Protein backbone atom coordinates (compact mmCIF):
# COMPACT_ATOMS: atom_id res chain seq x y z
CA MET A 1 86.94 196.76 85.54
CA THR A 2 84.54 196.54 82.87
CA ARG A 3 82.65 199.37 81.81
CA ASP A 4 78.98 199.04 80.63
CA TRP A 5 78.13 196.85 77.38
CA LEU A 6 77.89 200.08 75.04
CA ARG A 7 77.91 198.97 71.33
CA VAL A 8 78.10 195.09 71.93
CA ALA A 9 74.98 193.73 70.04
CA PRO A 10 74.23 190.26 68.47
CA SER A 11 76.05 190.75 64.84
CA CYS A 12 73.44 188.39 63.33
CA GLY A 13 74.03 189.73 60.17
CA SER A 14 77.55 189.03 60.07
CA GLY A 15 77.83 185.29 59.81
CA GLY A 16 78.68 184.82 63.41
CA VAL A 17 81.35 186.92 63.56
CA VAL A 18 82.16 188.96 66.22
CA ARG A 19 85.29 191.63 65.81
CA VAL A 20 86.87 192.97 68.54
CA GLY A 21 89.57 196.03 68.38
CA LEU A 22 92.00 195.50 71.48
CA THR A 23 94.03 198.30 72.17
CA GLY A 24 95.98 200.11 74.95
CA GLY A 25 99.28 202.55 75.75
CA ILE A 26 102.35 201.20 75.26
CA ALA A 27 103.54 198.45 78.18
CA SER A 28 99.12 198.14 79.37
CA GLY A 29 99.56 194.69 79.39
CA LYS A 30 97.79 194.23 75.83
CA SER A 31 99.84 191.42 74.81
CA THR A 32 99.19 189.44 77.81
CA VAL A 33 94.85 190.13 77.29
CA SER A 34 95.20 189.13 73.65
CA GLY A 35 97.09 186.13 74.56
CA LEU A 36 94.04 184.91 77.40
CA LEU A 37 91.57 185.79 74.29
CA ALA A 38 93.70 183.59 72.35
CA GLU A 39 93.24 180.85 74.65
CA ARG A 40 89.96 181.14 74.82
CA GLY A 41 89.12 180.55 70.96
CA ALA A 42 89.67 184.28 69.57
CA VAL A 43 91.23 184.82 66.30
CA VAL A 44 94.23 187.02 67.57
CA ILE A 45 95.42 189.63 64.55
CA ASP A 46 98.71 191.19 66.04
CA TYR A 47 99.73 194.18 64.56
CA ASP A 48 102.68 194.43 66.54
CA GLN A 49 103.86 191.14 64.79
CA LEU A 50 102.50 192.40 61.51
CA CYS A 51 104.78 195.44 61.59
CA ARG A 52 107.75 193.40 62.27
CA ASP A 53 106.58 190.86 59.58
CA VAL A 54 106.19 193.63 56.81
CA VAL A 55 110.19 195.40 57.19
CA ALA A 56 111.44 191.75 57.89
CA VAL A 57 114.96 191.67 55.47
CA GLY A 58 113.69 191.67 51.98
CA THR A 59 110.48 193.02 52.15
CA GLN A 60 109.19 195.94 50.52
CA GLY A 61 108.77 197.69 53.62
CA LEU A 62 111.96 197.30 54.84
CA ALA A 63 113.11 199.22 51.49
CA GLY A 64 110.93 201.69 52.04
CA VAL A 65 112.47 202.85 55.38
CA VAL A 66 115.69 202.47 54.57
CA GLU A 67 114.62 205.03 51.47
CA ALA A 68 112.70 207.51 53.61
CA PHE A 69 115.36 207.46 57.04
CA GLY A 70 118.92 206.04 55.19
CA ARG A 71 121.00 203.05 56.17
CA GLY A 72 121.12 204.57 59.25
CA VAL A 73 118.40 203.16 60.72
CA LEU A 74 119.85 199.18 59.96
CA ALA A 75 121.99 196.86 61.73
CA ALA A 76 125.14 195.26 60.85
CA ASP A 77 123.12 191.64 59.61
CA GLY A 78 120.62 194.25 57.41
CA SER A 79 117.84 193.88 59.49
CA LEU A 80 115.79 196.77 60.82
CA ASP A 81 117.43 198.63 64.16
CA ARG A 82 114.32 199.30 65.88
CA SER A 83 116.22 201.38 68.59
CA ALA A 84 117.76 203.85 65.78
CA LEU A 85 114.59 204.16 63.98
CA GLY A 86 112.68 204.91 67.26
CA SER A 87 114.85 207.23 68.32
CA ILE A 88 114.03 209.55 65.29
CA VAL A 89 110.02 208.75 64.43
CA PHE A 90 109.49 209.33 68.62
CA ALA A 91 110.98 212.71 68.58
CA ASP A 92 109.84 214.28 65.79
CA SER A 93 106.03 213.54 64.83
CA ARG A 94 106.37 214.38 60.74
CA ALA A 95 109.11 211.61 61.06
CA ARG A 96 106.75 209.28 63.16
CA ARG A 97 103.90 210.17 60.20
CA ARG A 98 106.25 209.36 57.94
CA LEU A 99 106.82 205.94 59.14
CA GLU A 100 102.95 204.75 59.62
CA ALA A 101 102.72 206.03 55.77
CA ILE A 102 104.85 203.50 54.78
CA ILE A 103 104.34 200.36 57.40
CA HIS A 104 100.05 200.98 58.01
CA PRO A 105 98.80 199.79 54.31
CA LEU A 106 100.77 197.00 54.26
CA VAL A 107 100.03 196.12 57.50
CA GLU A 108 96.20 196.51 56.69
CA GLU A 109 96.78 194.33 53.79
CA ALA A 110 98.00 191.56 55.69
CA ALA A 111 95.37 191.81 58.69
CA GLN A 112 92.49 192.12 55.84
CA ARG A 113 93.54 188.50 54.74
CA VAL A 114 93.86 187.19 58.18
CA ASP A 115 90.61 188.62 58.78
CA GLU A 116 88.79 187.15 55.65
CA GLU A 117 89.75 184.00 56.58
CA ALA A 118 88.58 183.92 59.55
CA ARG A 119 85.15 184.63 58.32
CA ALA A 120 85.38 182.00 56.03
CA THR A 121 83.36 179.78 58.47
CA ASP A 122 79.82 178.64 59.27
CA ASP A 123 80.83 178.84 63.19
CA LEU A 124 80.43 181.53 65.79
CA VAL A 125 84.37 183.07 65.72
CA VAL A 126 85.53 186.15 67.16
CA VAL A 127 88.09 187.58 65.96
CA VAL A 128 90.27 190.50 67.47
CA HIS A 129 92.41 193.11 65.94
CA ASP A 130 95.27 193.80 68.29
CA ILE A 131 95.74 197.49 67.12
CA PRO A 132 98.06 199.80 69.49
CA LEU A 133 97.21 202.66 67.31
CA LEU A 134 93.44 201.98 67.19
CA VAL A 135 92.51 205.55 68.79
CA GLU A 136 95.08 207.36 66.71
CA THR A 137 94.27 206.15 63.49
CA GLY A 138 90.17 206.86 64.43
CA ARG A 139 88.94 203.07 63.81
CA ALA A 140 86.85 202.48 66.83
CA ASP A 141 83.65 202.29 64.99
CA GLU A 142 84.85 199.42 62.83
CA PHE A 143 84.58 197.21 65.43
CA ASP A 144 81.43 195.58 67.64
CA VAL A 145 83.74 195.71 70.63
CA VAL A 146 86.43 198.24 71.80
CA MET A 147 88.34 196.53 74.67
CA VAL A 148 91.33 198.78 76.27
CA THR A 149 94.03 197.79 78.42
CA ASP A 150 94.15 200.62 80.98
CA VAL A 151 96.96 201.20 83.91
CA ASP A 152 98.18 204.17 85.84
CA PRO A 153 100.99 206.05 83.23
CA ALA A 154 103.46 205.60 85.84
CA GLU A 155 103.43 202.00 86.02
CA GLN A 156 103.86 202.41 82.47
CA VAL A 157 106.90 204.24 82.87
CA ARG A 158 108.14 201.77 84.97
CA ARG A 159 107.37 198.44 82.63
CA VAL A 160 108.91 200.40 79.63
CA VAL A 161 112.52 201.43 81.72
CA ASP A 162 112.41 197.76 83.09
CA ARG A 163 111.63 196.10 79.62
CA ASP A 164 113.28 198.11 77.22
CA GLY A 165 116.17 199.50 79.52
CA CYS A 166 115.56 203.14 78.28
CA SER A 167 115.64 206.17 80.43
CA GLN A 168 112.40 207.36 82.18
CA ALA A 169 112.40 210.49 79.55
CA ASP A 170 112.56 208.24 76.73
CA ALA A 171 109.72 206.14 78.29
CA TRP A 172 107.76 209.23 78.85
CA ALA A 173 108.29 210.56 75.16
CA ARG A 174 106.68 207.03 73.96
CA ILE A 175 103.59 207.14 76.11
CA ARG A 176 103.35 210.83 75.01
CA ALA A 177 103.65 210.21 71.49
CA GLN A 178 100.68 208.12 71.48
CA ALA A 179 96.84 208.81 72.48
CA SER A 180 96.10 210.03 75.67
CA ARG A 181 94.82 207.42 78.41
CA GLU A 182 91.98 209.81 78.56
CA GLU A 183 90.90 209.55 74.68
CA ARG A 184 91.40 205.63 74.88
CA LEU A 185 88.99 205.53 77.55
CA ALA A 186 86.50 207.58 75.59
CA VAL A 187 86.05 205.05 72.97
CA ALA A 188 85.90 202.00 75.13
CA ASP A 189 83.58 199.47 75.61
CA VAL A 190 85.31 197.45 78.02
CA VAL A 191 88.28 198.59 80.12
CA ILE A 192 90.00 195.77 81.30
CA ASP A 193 92.66 196.95 84.57
CA THR A 194 96.21 195.23 83.90
CA SER A 195 97.48 196.25 87.09
CA ALA A 196 95.52 193.66 88.80
CA PRO A 197 97.47 190.20 89.45
CA LEU A 198 97.46 187.64 86.26
CA GLU A 199 94.41 185.62 88.14
CA ASP A 200 92.24 188.95 88.31
CA LEU A 201 93.11 189.58 85.06
CA SER A 202 92.30 185.92 83.62
CA GLU A 203 88.75 186.62 85.56
CA GLN A 204 88.05 189.84 83.64
CA VAL A 205 88.95 188.24 79.95
CA ASP A 206 86.55 185.46 81.25
CA ARG A 207 83.46 187.97 81.90
CA VAL A 208 84.20 189.48 78.83
CA TRP A 209 84.38 186.53 76.84
CA SER A 210 80.98 184.95 78.11
CA LYS A 211 79.41 188.27 77.71
CA ILE A 212 80.37 188.36 73.81
CA ILE A 213 79.61 184.46 73.66
CA GLU A 214 76.17 185.22 74.98
CA SER A 215 75.50 188.12 72.92
CA GLU A 216 76.37 186.16 69.79
CA SER A 217 74.85 183.16 70.44
CA SER A 218 71.17 184.77 70.91
CA CYS A 219 71.64 184.84 67.05
CA PHE A 220 71.07 181.10 67.12
CA SER A 221 68.43 180.31 69.42
CA VAL A 222 64.94 179.12 68.57
């Protein structure tokens, strides 16, 4: 499903750049949608990938995480043991905020570099910021379009259990550590129903993409 177009208007003053904030709960199909947008020509800034990059072996980010949570969050090869870290931060909101304070500034710095590179063009460009915690960090107003991937929470749990091999209790804990479904839908300009088959999902993304391009292209019409 797609909602009425709420804030999307030609961004004629921004050099033909449309900034999209893409978000969704864990296992809500966000990565699939971002991939479909990339296929259509969007520049996708994947914050999940940036989160991994900034805590790679030898980085400032990893050193900060170890200092905060101890060497027990490291795997045998010196890389970050995400499962061990997750068991700490998903169970303790203060620990989660401490982790975010370490990682988020590094991720934002990296994302800003990509965003600026994408803007350095005279062509029409759609930059998609794929941000899991967009709602939690209060960033909805930064974007021309906020796109939310949505699915029933029970389906999220099923996907998380199948994907990660965790218990249902752990899956629910991860979901509850994020913004609620209602909070995400409240800021959405566009809602993508990811319970649909892939073919239908692709059609939903096509409709949204066409609307973005039509909106921005009007800046260049005579």
